[in-house]
PDB file of N, CA and C in Angstrom:
ATOM      1  N   MET A   1       2.463 -11.878 -14.468  1.00  0.00           N
ATOM      2  CA  MET A   1       2.724 -12.663 -12.941  1.00  0.00           C
ATOM      3  C   MET A   1       1.710 -11.537 -11.974  1.00  0.00           C
ATOM      4  N   LYS A   2       0.707 -12.166 -11.292  1.00  0.00           N
ATOM      5  CA  LYS A   2      -0.142 -11.233 -10.434  1.00  0.00           C
ATOM      6  C   LYS A   2       0.781 -11.201  -9.291  1.00  0.00           C
ATOM      7  N   ARG A   3       0.541  -9.963  -8.742  1.00  0.00           N
ATOM      8  CA  ARG A   3       1.095  -9.554  -7.478  1.00  0.00           C
ATOM      9  C   ARG A   3       0.583  -9.915  -6.257  1.00  0.00           C
ATOM     10  N   LEU A   4       1.206 -10.372  -5.355  1.00  0.00           N
ATOM     11  CA  LEU A   4       0.517 -11.094  -4.007  1.00  0.00           C
ATOM     12  C   LEU A   4       0.182  -9.773  -3.237  1.00  0.00           C
ATOM     13  N   GLU A   5      -1.109  -9.832  -2.511  1.00  0.00           N
ATOM     14  CA  GLU A   5      -1.468  -8.793  -1.706  1.00  0.00           C
ATOM     15  C   GLU A   5      -0.149  -8.129  -0.612  1.00  0.00           C
ATOM     16  N   SER A   6       0.709  -9.177  -0.410  1.00  0.00           N
ATOM     17  CA  SER A   6       1.598  -8.707   0.690  1.00  0.00           C
ATOM     18  C   SER A   6       2.491  -7.781  -0.054  1.00  0.00           C
ATOM     19  N   GLN A   7       2.863  -8.158  -1.311  1.00  0.00           N
ATOM     20  CA  GLN A   7       3.760  -6.968  -1.999  1.00  0.00           C
ATOM     21  C   GLN A   7       3.162  -5.704  -2.243  1.00  0.00           C
ATOM     22  N   GLU A   8       1.823  -5.706  -2.648  1.00  0.00           N
ATOM     23  CA  GLU A   8       1.043  -4.569  -2.640  1.00  0.00           C
ATOM     24  C   GLU A   8       1.097  -3.757  -1.005  1.00  0.00           C
ATOM     25  N   ASP A   9       0.732  -4.326  -0.027  1.00  0.00           N
ATOM     26  CA  ASP A   9       1.063  -3.741   1.461  1.00  0.00           C
ATOM     27  C   ASP A   9       2.196  -3.401   1.632  1.00  0.00           C
ATOM     28  N   TYR A  10       3.446  -4.019   1.262  1.00  0.00           N
ATOM     29  CA  TYR A  10       4.654  -3.447   1.477  1.00  0.00           C
ATOM     30  C   TYR A  10       4.974  -2.390   0.763  1.00  0.00           C
ATOM     31  N   LEU A  11       4.666  -2.179  -0.694  1.00  0.00           N
ATOM     32  CA  LEU A  11       4.883  -0.948  -1.422  1.00  0.00           C
ATOM     33  C   LEU A  11       4.087   0.157  -0.948  1.00  0.00           C
ATOM     34  N   GLU A  12       2.735  -0.153  -0.365  1.00  0.00           N
ATOM     35  CA  GLU A  12       2.083   1.044   0.100  1.00  0.00           C
ATOM     36  C   GLU A  12       2.647   1.528   1.497  1.00  0.00           C
ATOM     37  N   LYS A  13       3.111   0.558   2.161  1.00  0.00           N
ATOM     38  CA  LYS A  13       3.789   0.962   3.511  1.00  0.00           C
ATOM     39  C   LYS A  13       5.099   1.788   3.172  1.00  0.00           C
ATOM     40  N   ILE A  14       5.913   1.528   2.149  1.00  0.00           N
ATOM     41  CA  ILE A  14       7.199   1.938   1.654  1.00  0.00           C
ATOM     42  C   ILE A  14       6.726   3.353   1.636  1.00  0.00           C
ATOM     43  N   LEU A  15       5.698   3.691   0.567  1.00  0.00           N
ATOM     44  CA  LEU A  15       5.162   5.023   0.332  1.00  0.00           C
ATOM     45  C   LEU A  15       4.676   5.791   1.583  1.00  0.00           C
ATOM     46  N   GLN A  16       3.890   5.269   2.246  1.00  0.00           N
ATOM     47  CA  GLN A  16       3.592   5.925   3.527  1.00  0.00           C
ATOM     48  C   GLN A  16       4.600   6.445   4.259  1.00  0.00           C
ATOM     49  N   ILE A  17       5.735   5.635   4.525  1.00  0.00           N
ATOM     50  CA  ILE A  17       6.848   5.766   5.358  1.00  0.00           C
ATOM     51  C   ILE A  17       7.619   7.110   4.808  1.00  0.00           C
ATOM     52  N   SER A  18       7.656   6.939   3.496  1.00  0.00           N
ATOM     53  CA  SER A  18       8.567   7.813   2.447  1.00  0.00           C
ATOM     54  C   SER A  18       7.715   9.367   2.615  1.00  0.00           C
ATOM     55  N   GLN A  19       6.563   9.343   2.955  1.00  0.00           N
ATOM     56  CA  GLN A  19       6.054  10.570   3.091  1.00  0.00           C
ATOM     57  C   GLN A  19       6.193  11.231   4.085  1.00  0.00           C
ATOM     58  N   ILE A  20       6.763  10.808   4.947  1.00  0.00           N
ATOM     59  CA  ILE A  20       6.938  11.244   6.417  1.00  0.00           C
ATOM     60  C   ILE A  20       8.510  11.330   6.664  1.00  0.00           C
ATOM     61  N   LYS A  21       9.360  10.448   6.217  1.00  0.00           N
ATOM     62  CA  LYS A  21      10.625  10.010   6.421  1.00  0.00           C
ATOM     63  C   LYS A  21      11.260  10.551   5.244  1.00  0.00           C
ATOM     64  N   GLU A  22      12.582  11.210   5.348  1.00  0.00           N
ATOM     65  CA  GLU A  22      13.410  11.261   4.163  1.00  0.00           C
ATOM     66  C   GLU A  22      13.765   9.854   3.773  1.00  0.00           C
ATOM     67  N   THR A  23      14.226   8.783   4.515  1.00  0.00           N
ATOM     68  CA  THR A  23      14.695   7.505   3.934  1.00  0.00           C
ATOM     69  C   THR A  23      14.137   6.526   4.659  1.00  0.00           C
ATOM     70  N   VAL A  24      13.893   5.450   4.088  1.00  0.00           N
ATOM     71  CA  VAL A  24      12.972   4.377   4.212  1.00  0.00           C
ATOM     72  C   VAL A  24      14.130   3.068   4.404  1.00  0.00           C
ATOM     73  N   HIS A  25      14.053   2.458   5.727  1.00  0.00           N
ATOM     74  CA  HIS A  25      14.970   1.307   5.858  1.00  0.00           C
ATOM     75  C   HIS A  25      13.917   0.046   6.319  1.00  0.00           C
ATOM     76  N   ALA A  26      14.451  -1.057   6.260  1.00  0.00           N
ATOM     77  CA  ALA A  26      13.739  -2.420   6.639  1.00  0.00           C
ATOM     78  C   ALA A  26      13.027  -2.307   7.890  1.00  0.00           C
ATOM     79  N   ILE A  27      14.041  -1.746   8.782  1.00  0.00           N
ATOM     80  CA  ILE A  27      13.650  -1.338  10.205  1.00  0.00           C
ATOM     81  C   ILE A  27      12.481  -0.762  10.507  1.00  0.00           C
ATOM     82  N   ASP A  28      12.121   0.233   9.699  1.00  0.00           N
ATOM     83  CA  ASP A  28      11.039   1.259   9.594  1.00  0.00           C
ATOM     84  C   ASP A  28       9.777   0.348   9.212  1.00  0.00           C
ATOM     85  N   ILE A  29       9.931  -0.044   8.196  1.00  0.00           N
ATOM     86  CA  ILE A  29       8.867  -1.075   7.742  1.00  0.00           C
ATOM     87  C   ILE A  29       8.628  -2.223   8.818  1.00  0.00           C
ATOM     88  N   ALA A  30       9.500  -2.932   9.237  1.00  0.00           N
ATOM     89  CA  ALA A  30       9.171  -3.808  10.392  1.00  0.00           C
ATOM     90  C   ALA A  30       8.175  -3.217  11.589  1.00  0.00           C
ATOM     91  N   ARG A  31       8.913  -1.931  11.881  1.00  0.00           N
ATOM     92  CA  ARG A  31       8.241  -1.289  13.161  1.00  0.00           C
ATOM     93  C   ARG A  31       6.714  -1.009  12.848  1.00  0.00           C
ATOM     94  N   GLU A  32       6.609  -0.394  11.485  1.00  0.00           N
ATOM     95  CA  GLU A  32       5.200  -0.196  11.173  1.00  0.00           C
ATOM     96  C   GLU A  32       4.174  -1.120  10.925  1.00  0.00           C
ATOM     97  N   MET A  33       4.647  -2.172  10.369  1.00  0.00           N
ATOM     98  CA  MET A  33       3.847  -3.415   9.960  1.00  0.00           C
ATOM     99  C   MET A  33       3.803  -4.578  10.950  1.00  0.00           C
ATOM    100  N   SER A  34       4.490  -4.376  12.204  1.00  0.00           N
ATOM    101  CA  SER A  34       4.747  -5.388  13.325  1.00  0.00           C
ATOM    102  C   SER A  34       5.119  -6.750  12.792  1.00  0.00           C
ATOM    103  N   PHE A  35       6.048  -6.680  11.727  1.00  0.00           N
ATOM    104  CA  PHE A  35       6.786  -7.804  11.414  1.00  0.00           C
ATOM    105  C   PHE A  35       8.196  -7.840  12.134  1.00  0.00           C
ATOM    106  N   SER A  36       9.088  -9.019  11.753  1.00  0.00           N
ATOM    107  CA  SER A  36      10.261  -9.336  12.098  1.00  0.00           C
ATOM    108  C   SER A  36      11.001  -8.635  11.072  1.00  0.00           C
ATOM    109  N   LYS A  37      12.245  -8.269  11.334  1.00  0.00           N
ATOM    110  CA  LYS A  37      13.229  -7.588  10.592  1.00  0.00           C
ATOM    111  C   LYS A  37      13.526  -8.681   9.477  1.00  0.00           C
ATOM    112  N   PRO A  38      13.914  -9.859   9.774  1.00  0.00           N
ATOM    113  CA  PRO A  38      14.362 -10.827   8.899  1.00  0.00           C
ATOM    114  C   PRO A  38      13.133 -11.096   7.622  1.00  0.00           C
ATOM    115  N   SER A  39      11.802 -10.928   8.136  1.00  0.00           N
ATOM    116  CA  SER A  39      10.662 -11.338   7.091  1.00  0.00           C
ATOM    117  C   SER A  39      10.593 -10.279   6.194  1.00  0.00           C
ATOM    118  N   VAL A  40      10.813  -8.951   6.896  1.00  0.00           N
ATOM    119  CA  VAL A  40      10.842  -7.925   5.921  1.00  0.00           C
ATOM    120  C   VAL A  40      11.907  -7.884   4.968  1.00  0.00           C
ATOM    121  N   SER A  41      13.410  -8.258   5.528  1.00  0.00           N
ATOM    122  CA  SER A  41      14.365  -8.402   4.556  1.00  0.00           C
ATOM    123  C   SER A  41      14.173  -9.293   3.310  1.00  0.00           C
ATOM    124  N   VAL A  42      13.377 -10.477   3.730  1.00  0.00           N
ATOM    125  CA  VAL A  42      13.079 -11.319   2.537  1.00  0.00           C
ATOM    126  C   VAL A  42      12.013 -10.947   1.610  1.00  0.00           C
ATOM    127  N   ALA A  43      11.262 -10.154   2.245  1.00  0.00           N
ATOM    128  CA  ALA A  43      10.372  -9.585   1.220  1.00  0.00           C
ATOM    129  C   ALA A  43      10.889  -8.464   0.289  1.00  0.00           C
ATOM    130  N   MET A  44      11.763  -7.743   1.042  1.00  0.00           N
ATOM    131  CA  MET A  44      12.421  -6.517   0.389  1.00  0.00           C
ATOM    132  C   MET A  44      13.329  -7.105  -1.194  1.00  0.00           C
ATOM    133  N   ASN A  45      14.045  -8.189  -0.441  1.00  0.00           N
ATOM    134  CA  ASN A  45      14.593  -8.889  -1.655  1.00  0.00           C
ATOM    135  C   ASN A  45      14.014  -9.331  -2.934  1.00  0.00           C
ATOM    136  N   LYS A  46      12.648 -10.109  -2.223  1.00  0.00           N
ATOM    137  CA  LYS A  46      11.789 -10.114  -3.549  1.00  0.00           C
ATOM    138  C   LYS A  46      11.135  -9.152  -4.442  1.00  0.00           C
ATOM    139  N   LEU A  47      10.988  -7.865  -3.583  1.00  0.00           N
ATOM    140  CA  LEU A  47      10.557  -6.676  -4.254  1.00  0.00           C
ATOM    141  C   LEU A  47      11.503  -6.065  -5.325  1.00  0.00           C
ATOM    142  N   LYS A  48      12.845  -6.376  -4.636  1.00  0.00           N
ATOM    143  CA  LYS A  48      13.915  -5.659  -5.521  1.00  0.00           C
ATOM    144  C   LYS A  48      14.142  -6.532  -6.700  1.00  0.00           C
ATOM    145  N   GLU A  49      13.983  -7.894  -6.513  1.00  0.00           N
ATOM    146  CA  GLU A  49      13.971  -8.835  -7.854  1.00  0.00           C
ATOM    147  C   GLU A  49      13.127  -8.523  -8.749  1.00  0.00           C
ATOM    148  N   ALA A  50      11.746  -8.309  -8.362  1.00  0.00           N
ATOM    149  CA  ALA A  50      10.580  -8.031  -9.066  1.00  0.00           C
ATOM    150  C   ALA A  50      10.661  -6.746  -9.711  1.00  0.00           C
ATOM    151  N   GLY A  51      11.865  -5.748  -9.517  1.00  0.00           N
ATOM    152  CA  GLY A  51      11.938  -4.444  -9.979  1.00  0.00           C
ATOM    153  C   GLY A  51      11.163  -3.386  -9.271  1.00  0.00           C
ATOM    154  N   TYR A  52      10.403  -3.557  -8.154  1.00  0.00           N
ATOM    155  CA  TYR A  52       9.623  -2.639  -7.649  1.00  0.00           C
ATOM    156  C   TYR A  52      10.129  -1.812  -6.765  1.00  0.00           C
ATOM    157  N   ILE A  53      11.676  -2.114  -6.190  1.00  0.00           N
ATOM    158  CA  ILE A  53      12.319  -1.096  -5.295  1.00  0.00           C
ATOM    159  C   ILE A  53      13.705  -1.261  -5.671  1.00  0.00           C
ATOM    160  N   ASN A  54      14.162  -0.172  -4.982  1.00  0.00           N
ATOM    161  CA  ASN A  54      15.907  -0.129  -5.012  1.00  0.00           C
ATOM    162  C   ASN A  54      16.355  -0.081  -3.699  1.00  0.00           C
ATOM    163  N   ILE A  55      17.380  -0.607  -3.237  1.00  0.00           N
ATOM    164  CA  ILE A  55      18.109  -0.669  -2.154  1.00  0.00           C
ATOM    165  C   ILE A  55      19.593  -0.265  -2.423  1.00  0.00           C
ATOM    166  N   ASN A  56      19.851   0.822  -1.721  1.00  0.00           N
ATOM    167  CA  ASN A  56      21.161   1.320  -1.937  1.00  0.00           C
ATOM    168  C   ASN A  56      22.346   0.620  -0.885  1.00  0.00           C
ATOM    169  N   SER A  57      23.623   1.126  -0.997  1.00  0.00           N
ATOM    170  CA  SER A  57      24.622   0.795  -0.158  1.00  0.00           C
ATOM    171  C   SER A  57      24.171   0.819   1.391  1.00  0.00           C
ATOM    172  N   LYS A  58      23.513   1.943   1.745  1.00  0.00           N
ATOM    173  CA  LYS A  58      23.438   2.402   2.970  1.00  0.00           C
ATOM    174  C   LYS A  58      21.813   1.413   3.476  1.00  0.00           C
ATOM    175  N   GLY A  59      21.303   0.727   2.854  1.00  0.00           N
ATOM    176  CA  GLY A  59      20.164  -0.078   3.153  1.00  0.00           C
ATOM    177  C   GLY A  59      18.837   0.856   3.007  1.00  0.00           C
ATOM    178  N   GLU A  60      18.837   2.133   2.409  1.00  0.00           N
ATOM    179  CA  GLU A  60      18.011   2.808   2.084  1.00  0.00           C
ATOM    180  C   GLU A  60      16.879   2.231   0.960  1.00  0.00           C
ATOM    181  N   ILE A  61      15.751   2.282   1.178  1.00  0.00           N
ATOM    182  CA  ILE A  61      14.837   1.533   0.463  1.00  0.00           C
ATOM    183  C   ILE A  61      14.149   2.772  -0.572  1.00  0.00           C
ATOM    184  N   SER A  62      13.823   2.739  -1.730  1.00  0.00           N
ATOM    185  CA  SER A  62      13.199   3.609  -2.785  1.00  0.00           C
ATOM    186  C   SER A  62      12.080   2.718  -3.727  1.00  0.00           C
ATOM    187  N   LEU A  63      11.186   3.359  -3.725  1.00  0.00           N
ATOM    188  CA  LEU A  63      10.370   2.716  -5.025  1.00  0.00           C
ATOM    189  C   LEU A  63      10.619   3.069  -6.380  1.00  0.00           C
ATOM    190  N   THR A  64      11.019   1.919  -7.187  1.00  0.00           N
ATOM    191  CA  THR A  64      10.776   2.475  -8.758  1.00  0.00           C
ATOM    192  C   THR A  64       9.770   2.906  -9.238  1.00  0.00           C
ATOM    193  N   GLU A  65       9.740   3.164 -10.466  1.00  0.00           N
ATOM    194  CA  GLU A  65       8.696   3.931 -11.185  1.00  0.00           C
ATOM    195  C   GLU A  65       7.273   2.770 -11.021  1.00  0.00           C
ATOM    196  N   SER A  66       7.618   1.572 -11.271  1.00  0.00           N
ATOM    197  CA  SER A  66       6.522   0.468 -11.548  1.00  0.00           C
ATOM    198  C   SER A  66       6.182   0.525 -10.106  1.00  0.00           C
ATOM    199  N   GLY A  67       7.121   0.405  -9.066  1.00  0.00           N
ATOM    200  CA  GLY A  67       6.673   0.213  -7.816  1.00  0.00           C
ATOM    201  C   GLY A  67       5.708   1.430  -7.226  1.00  0.00           C
ATOM    202  N   LEU A  68       6.230   2.338  -7.608  1.00  0.00           N
ATOM    203  CA  LEU A  68       5.471   3.918  -6.970  1.00  0.00           C
ATOM    204  C   LEU A  68       4.129   3.803  -7.447  1.00  0.00           C
ATOM    205  N   ALA A  69       4.029   3.364  -8.905  1.00  0.00           N
ATOM    206  CA  ALA A  69       2.639   3.086  -9.448  1.00  0.00           C
ATOM    207  C   ALA A  69       1.573   2.407  -8.587  1.00  0.00           C
ATOM    208  N   ILE A  70       2.166   1.295  -8.246  1.00  0.00           N
ATOM    209  CA  ILE A  70       1.468   0.246  -7.601  1.00  0.00           C
ATOM    210  C   ILE A  70       1.104   0.751  -6.191  1.00  0.00           C
ATOM    211  N   ALA A  71       2.142   1.273  -5.488  1.00  0.00           N
ATOM    212  CA  ALA A  71       2.021   1.945  -4.016  1.00  0.00           C
ATOM    213  C   ALA A  71       0.906   2.931  -3.997  1.00  0.00           C
ATOM    214  N   GLU A  72       1.030   3.740  -4.973  1.00  0.00           N
ATOM    215  CA  GLU A  72      -0.003   4.876  -5.564  1.00  0.00           C
ATOM    216  C   GLU A  72      -1.517   4.511  -5.142  1.00  0.00           C
ATOM    217  N   LYS A  73      -1.634   3.486  -6.370  1.00  0.00           N
ATOM    218  CA  LYS A  73      -2.864   2.980  -6.516  1.00  0.00           C
ATOM    219  C   LYS A  73      -3.351   2.328  -5.462  1.00  0.00           C
ATOM    220  N   THR A  74      -2.673   1.416  -4.692  1.00  0.00           N
ATOM    221  CA  THR A  74      -3.006   0.598  -3.378  1.00  0.00           C
ATOM    222  C   THR A  74      -3.441   1.642  -2.426  1.00  0.00           C
ATOM    223  N   LEU A  75      -2.583   2.567  -2.201  1.00  0.00           N
ATOM    224  CA  LEU A  75      -2.885   3.537  -1.235  1.00  0.00           C
ATOM    225  C   LEU A  75      -4.327   4.465  -1.385  1.00  0.00           C
ATOM    226  N   GLU A  76      -4.486   4.611  -2.893  1.00  0.00           N
ATOM    227  CA  GLU A  76      -5.783   5.679  -3.321  1.00  0.00           C
ATOM    228  C   GLU A  76      -6.883   4.649  -2.775  1.00  0.00           C
ATOM    229  N   LYS A  77      -6.961   3.281  -3.207  1.00  0.00           N
ATOM    230  CA  LYS A  77      -7.930   2.330  -3.113  1.00  0.00           C
ATOM    231  C   LYS A  77      -8.209   2.272  -1.680  1.00  0.00           C
ATOM    232  N   HIS A  78      -7.182   2.233  -0.627  1.00  0.00           N
ATOM    233  CA  HIS A  78      -7.334   2.034   0.613  1.00  0.00           C
ATOM    234  C   HIS A  78      -8.119   3.203   1.210  1.00  0.00           C
ATOM    235  N   VAL A  79      -7.504   4.365   0.910  1.00  0.00           N
ATOM    236  CA  VAL A  79      -8.126   5.875   1.580  1.00  0.00           C
ATOM    237  C   VAL A  79      -9.521   6.038   1.185  1.00  0.00           C
ATOM    238  N   ILE A  80      -9.939   5.776  -0.318  1.00  0.00           N
ATOM    239  CA  ILE A  80     -11.235   5.809  -0.998  1.00  0.00           C
ATOM    240  C   ILE A  80     -12.132   4.909  -0.204  1.00  0.00           C
ATOM    241  N   LEU A  81     -11.862   3.628  -0.345  1.00  0.00           N
ATOM    242  CA  LEU A  81     -12.863   2.552   0.264  1.00  0.00           C
ATOM    243  C   LEU A  81     -12.910   2.746   2.174  1.00  0.00           C
ATOM    244  N   THR A  82     -11.855   3.166   2.599  1.00  0.00           N
ATOM    245  CA  THR A  82     -12.184   3.757   4.030  1.00  0.00           C
ATOM    246  C   THR A  82     -13.109   4.697   4.169  1.00  0.00           C
ATOM    247  N   ARG A  83     -12.901   5.597   3.410  1.00  0.00           N
ATOM    248  CA  ARG A  83     -13.910   6.716   3.572  1.00  0.00           C
ATOM    249  C   ARG A  83     -15.208   6.339   3.149  1.00  0.00           C
ATOM    250  N   MET A  84     -15.514   5.571   2.202  1.00  0.00           N
ATOM    251  CA  MET A  84     -16.756   5.290   1.886  1.00  0.00           C
ATOM    252  C   MET A  84     -17.549   4.328   2.891  1.00  0.00           C
ATOM    253  N   LEU A  85     -16.538   3.390   3.601  1.00  0.00           N
ATOM    254  CA  LEU A  85     -17.139   2.818   4.449  1.00  0.00           C
ATOM    255  C   LEU A  85     -17.927   3.378   5.737  1.00  0.00           C
ATOM    256  N   ILE A  86     -16.768   4.212   6.090  1.00  0.00           N
ATOM    257  CA  ILE A  86     -17.191   5.132   7.353  1.00  0.00           C
ATOM    258  C   ILE A  86     -18.404   5.928   6.779  1.00  0.00           C
ATOM    259  N   TYR A  87     -18.500   6.336   5.553  1.00  0.00           N
ATOM    260  CA  TYR A  87     -19.693   7.142   5.134  1.00  0.00           C
ATOM    261  C   TYR A  87     -20.748   6.252   5.293  1.00  0.00           C
ATOM    262  N   LEU A  88     -20.787   4.890   5.124  1.00  0.00           N
ATOM    263  CA  LEU A  88     -22.037   3.962   5.234  1.00  0.00           C
ATOM    264  C   LEU A  88     -22.235   3.761   6.789  1.00  0.00           C
ATOM    265  N   GLY A  89     -21.446   4.337   7.584  1.00  0.00           N
ATOM    266  CA  GLY A  89     -21.688   3.869   9.092  1.00  0.00           C
ATOM    267  C   GLY A  89     -20.678   2.808   9.798  1.00  0.00           C
ATOM    268  N   VAL A  90     -19.764   2.447   8.972  1.00  0.00           N
ATOM    269  CA  VAL A  90     -18.867   1.399   9.332  1.00  0.00           C
ATOM    270  C   VAL A  90     -17.819   2.202  10.512  1.00  0.00           C
ATOM    271  N   ASP A  91     -17.515   1.708  11.649  1.00  0.00           N
ATOM    272  CA  ASP A  91     -16.665   2.307  12.554  1.00  0.00           C
ATOM    273  C   ASP A  91     -15.042   2.486  11.801  1.00  0.00           C
ATOM    274  N   GLU A  92     -14.460   3.343  12.202  1.00  0.00           N
ATOM    275  CA  GLU A  92     -13.335   3.532  11.523  1.00  0.00           C
ATOM    276  C   GLU A  92     -12.144   2.288  11.481  1.00  0.00           C
ATOM    277  N   LYS A  93     -12.063   1.843  12.651  1.00  0.00           N
ATOM    278  CA  LYS A  93     -11.049   0.595  12.779  1.00  0.00           C
ATOM    279  C   LYS A  93     -11.562  -0.354  11.778  1.00  0.00           C
ATOM    280  N   THR A  94     -12.589  -0.857  11.728  1.00  0.00           N
ATOM    281  CA  THR A  94     -13.105  -1.936  11.077  1.00  0.00           C
ATOM    282  C   THR A  94     -13.225  -1.399   9.434  1.00  0.00           C
ATOM    283  N   ALA A  95     -13.603  -0.070   9.144  1.00  0.00           N
ATOM    284  CA  ALA A  95     -13.375   0.391   7.949  1.00  0.00           C
ATOM    285  C   ALA A  95     -12.078   0.305   7.253  1.00  0.00           C
ATOM    286  N   LYS A  96     -11.153   0.440   7.945  1.00  0.00           N
ATOM    287  CA  LYS A  96      -9.732   0.612   7.649  1.00  0.00           C
ATOM    288  C   LYS A  96      -9.206  -0.868   7.227  1.00  0.00           C
ATOM    289  N   GLU A  97      -9.629  -1.793   8.203  1.00  0.00           N
ATOM    290  CA  GLU A  97      -9.143  -3.252   8.116  1.00  0.00           C
ATOM    291  C   GLU A  97      -9.898  -3.776   6.725  1.00  0.00           C
ATOM    292  N   ASP A  98     -11.156  -3.624   6.663  1.00  0.00           N
ATOM    293  CA  ASP A  98     -12.097  -4.146   5.347  1.00  0.00           C
ATOM    294  C   ASP A  98     -11.379  -3.450   4.226  1.00  0.00           C
ATOM    295  N   ALA A  99     -11.015  -2.075   3.969  1.00  0.00           N
ATOM    296  CA  ALA A  99     -10.662  -1.593   2.966  1.00  0.00           C
ATOM    297  C   ALA A  99      -9.352  -2.172   2.629  1.00  0.00           C
ATOM    298  N   CYS A 100      -8.374  -2.664   3.512  1.00  0.00           N
ATOM    299  CA  CYS A 100      -7.210  -3.163   3.166  1.00  0.00           C
ATOM    300  C   CYS A 100      -7.524  -4.573   2.591  1.00  0.00           C
ATOM    301  N   LYS A 101      -8.331  -5.316   2.950  1.00  0.00           N
ATOM    302  CA  LYS A 101      -8.693  -6.643   2.423  1.00  0.00           C
ATOM    303  C   LYS A 101      -9.393  -6.434   0.852  1.00  0.00           C
ATOM    304  N   MET A 102     -10.047  -5.475   0.747  1.00  0.00           N
ATOM    305  CA  MET A 102     -11.158  -5.115  -0.544  1.00  0.00           C
ATOM    306  C   MET A 102     -10.012  -4.677  -1.566  1.00  0.00           C
ATOM    307  N   GLU A 103      -8.960  -3.767  -0.892  1.00  0.00           N
ATOM    308  CA  GLU A 103      -8.227  -2.886  -2.184  1.00  0.00           C
ATOM    309  C   GLU A 103      -7.506  -4.009  -3.169  1.00  0.00           C
ATOM    310  N   HIS A 104      -7.303  -5.338  -2.556  1.00  0.00           N
ATOM    311  CA  HIS A 104      -6.537  -6.165  -3.374  1.00  0.00           C
ATOM    312  C   HIS A 104      -7.280  -7.015  -4.329  1.00  0.00           C
ATOM    313  N   ASP A 105      -8.372  -7.173  -4.119  1.00  0.00           N
ATOM    314  CA  ASP A 105      -9.272  -7.973  -4.903  1.00  0.00           C
ATOM    315  C   ASP A 105      -9.893  -7.248  -5.722  1.00  0.00           C
ATOM    316  N   ILE A 106     -10.317  -6.295  -5.810  1.00  0.00           N
ATOM    317  CA  ILE A 106     -11.368  -5.359  -6.494  1.00  0.00           C
ATOM    318  C   ILE A 106     -10.906  -5.306  -8.045  1.00  0.00           C
ATOM    319  N   SER A 107     -11.969  -5.482  -8.890  1.00  0.00           N
ATOM    320  CA  SER A 107     -11.340  -5.354 -10.224  1.00  0.00           C
ATOM    321  C   SER A 107     -11.326  -3.752 -10.895  1.00  0.00           C
ATOM    322  N   ASP A 108     -10.507  -3.543 -11.722  1.00  0.00           N
ATOM    323  CA  ASP A 108     -10.531  -2.419 -12.128  1.00  0.00           C
ATOM    324  C   ASP A 108     -11.574  -1.637 -12.569  1.00  0.00           C
ATOM    325  N   LYS A 109     -12.672  -2.392 -13.338  1.00  0.00           N
ATOM    326  CA  LYS A 109     -14.033  -1.896 -13.706  1.00  0.00           C
ATOM    327  C   LYS A 109     -14.839  -1.412 -12.497  1.00  0.00           C
ATOM    328  N   THR A 110     -14.771  -2.182 -11.555  1.00  0.00           N
ATOM    329  CA  THR A 110     -15.445  -1.716 -10.396  1.00  0.00           C
ATOM    330  C   THR A 110     -14.855  -0.735  -9.531  1.00  0.00           C
ATOM    331  N   TRP A 111     -13.481  -0.775  -9.460  1.00  0.00           N
ATOM    332  CA  TRP A 111     -12.864   0.309  -8.936  1.00  0.00           C
ATOM    333  C   TRP A 111     -13.051   1.799  -9.514  1.00  0.00           C
ATOM    334  N   GLU A 112     -13.041   1.681 -10.918  1.00  0.00           N
ATOM    335  CA  GLU A 112     -13.224   3.005 -11.673  1.00  0.00           C
ATOM    336  C   GLU A 112     -14.915   3.299 -10.882  1.00  0.00           C
ATOM    337  N   ALA A 113     -15.681   2.650 -11.103  1.00  0.00           N
ATOM    338  CA  ALA A 113     -17.080   3.019 -10.745  1.00  0.00           C
ATOM    339  C   ALA A 113     -17.088   3.428  -9.340  1.00  0.00           C
ATOM    340  N   ILE A 114     -16.508   2.789  -8.368  1.00  0.00           N
ATOM    341  CA  ILE A 114     -16.571   3.337  -7.105  1.00  0.00           C
ATOM    342  C   ILE A 114     -15.697   4.764  -6.909  1.00  0.00           C
ATOM    343  N   LYS A 115     -14.697   5.007  -7.637  1.00  0.00           N
ATOM    344  CA  LYS A 115     -14.013   6.178  -7.661  1.00  0.00           C
ATOM    345  C   LYS A 115     -14.870   7.251  -8.156  1.00  0.00           C
ATOM    346  N   LYS A 116     -15.618   6.859  -9.436  1.00  0.00           N
ATOM    347  CA  LYS A 116     -16.471   7.861  -9.822  1.00  0.00           C
ATOM    348  C   LYS A 116     -17.647   8.270  -8.963  1.00  0.00           C
ATOM    349  N   HIS A 117     -18.015   7.421  -8.251  1.00  0.00           N
ATOM    350  CA  HIS A 117     -19.149   7.301  -7.098  1.00  0.00           C
ATOM    351  C   HIS A 117     -18.651   8.068  -5.863  1.00  0.00           C
ATOM    352  N   ALA A 118     -17.578   7.991  -5.716  1.00  0.00           N
ATOM    353  CA  ALA A 118     -17.018   8.617  -4.230  1.00  0.00           C
ATOM    354  C   ALA A 118     -16.604  10.207  -4.864  1.00  0.00           C
ATOM    355  N   LYS A 119     -16.336  10.490  -5.807  1.00  0.00           N
ATOM    356  CA  LYS A 119     -16.275  11.957  -6.048  1.00  0.00           C
ATOM    357  C   LYS A 119     -17.550  12.624  -6.361  1.00  0.00           C
ATOM    358  N   PHE A 120     -18.488  11.944  -6.679  1.00  0.00           N
ATOM    359  CA  PHE A 120     -19.747  12.292  -6.588  1.00  0.00           C
ATOM    360  C   PHE A 120     -20.563  12.719  -5.061  1.00  0.00           C
ATOM    361  N   VAL A 121     -20.113  11.781  -4.299  1.00  0.00           N
ATOM    362  CA  VAL A 121     -20.588  11.810  -2.889  1.00  0.00           C
ATOM    363  C   VAL A 121     -19.781  12.842  -2.238  1.00  0.00           C
ATOM    364  N   GLU A 122     -18.653  13.051  -2.311  1.00  0.00           N
ATOM    365  CA  GLU A 122     -17.889  14.213  -1.835  1.00  0.00           C
ATOM    366  C   GLU A 122     -18.231  15.741  -2.073  1.00  0.00           C
ATOM    367  N   LYS A 123     -19.152  15.571  -3.316  1.00  0.00           N
ATOM    368  CA  LYS A 123     -19.516  17.007  -3.746  1.00  0.00           C
ATOM    369  C   LYS A 123     -20.607  17.454  -2.869  1.00  0.00           C
TER     370      LYS A 123
END
């Protein structure tokens, strides 16, 4: 089953919040993504059913091993693609927006080539 872009975006956002805060709740995600809490709750239930997150009795959300792997890969793509677009002369706001679109559709083969090139350029 192919993951939806929105699932990857949610997992990425959970990872980002968890890097700043000790615990992550649906309201944190709703605030960060400018979504309603009910929309986020529905999404969290789907991610839980898919095995990407755990939600404890206090409503604290954590990534499972598979959820973390997806979140880290998505975040890595976002960061590197944003940097590369800025390097090419794209303004930061547009680069971030375009990187978010690109990170979901890029093939693994192309992604590996971009990562290799990005390391070369950064040296």
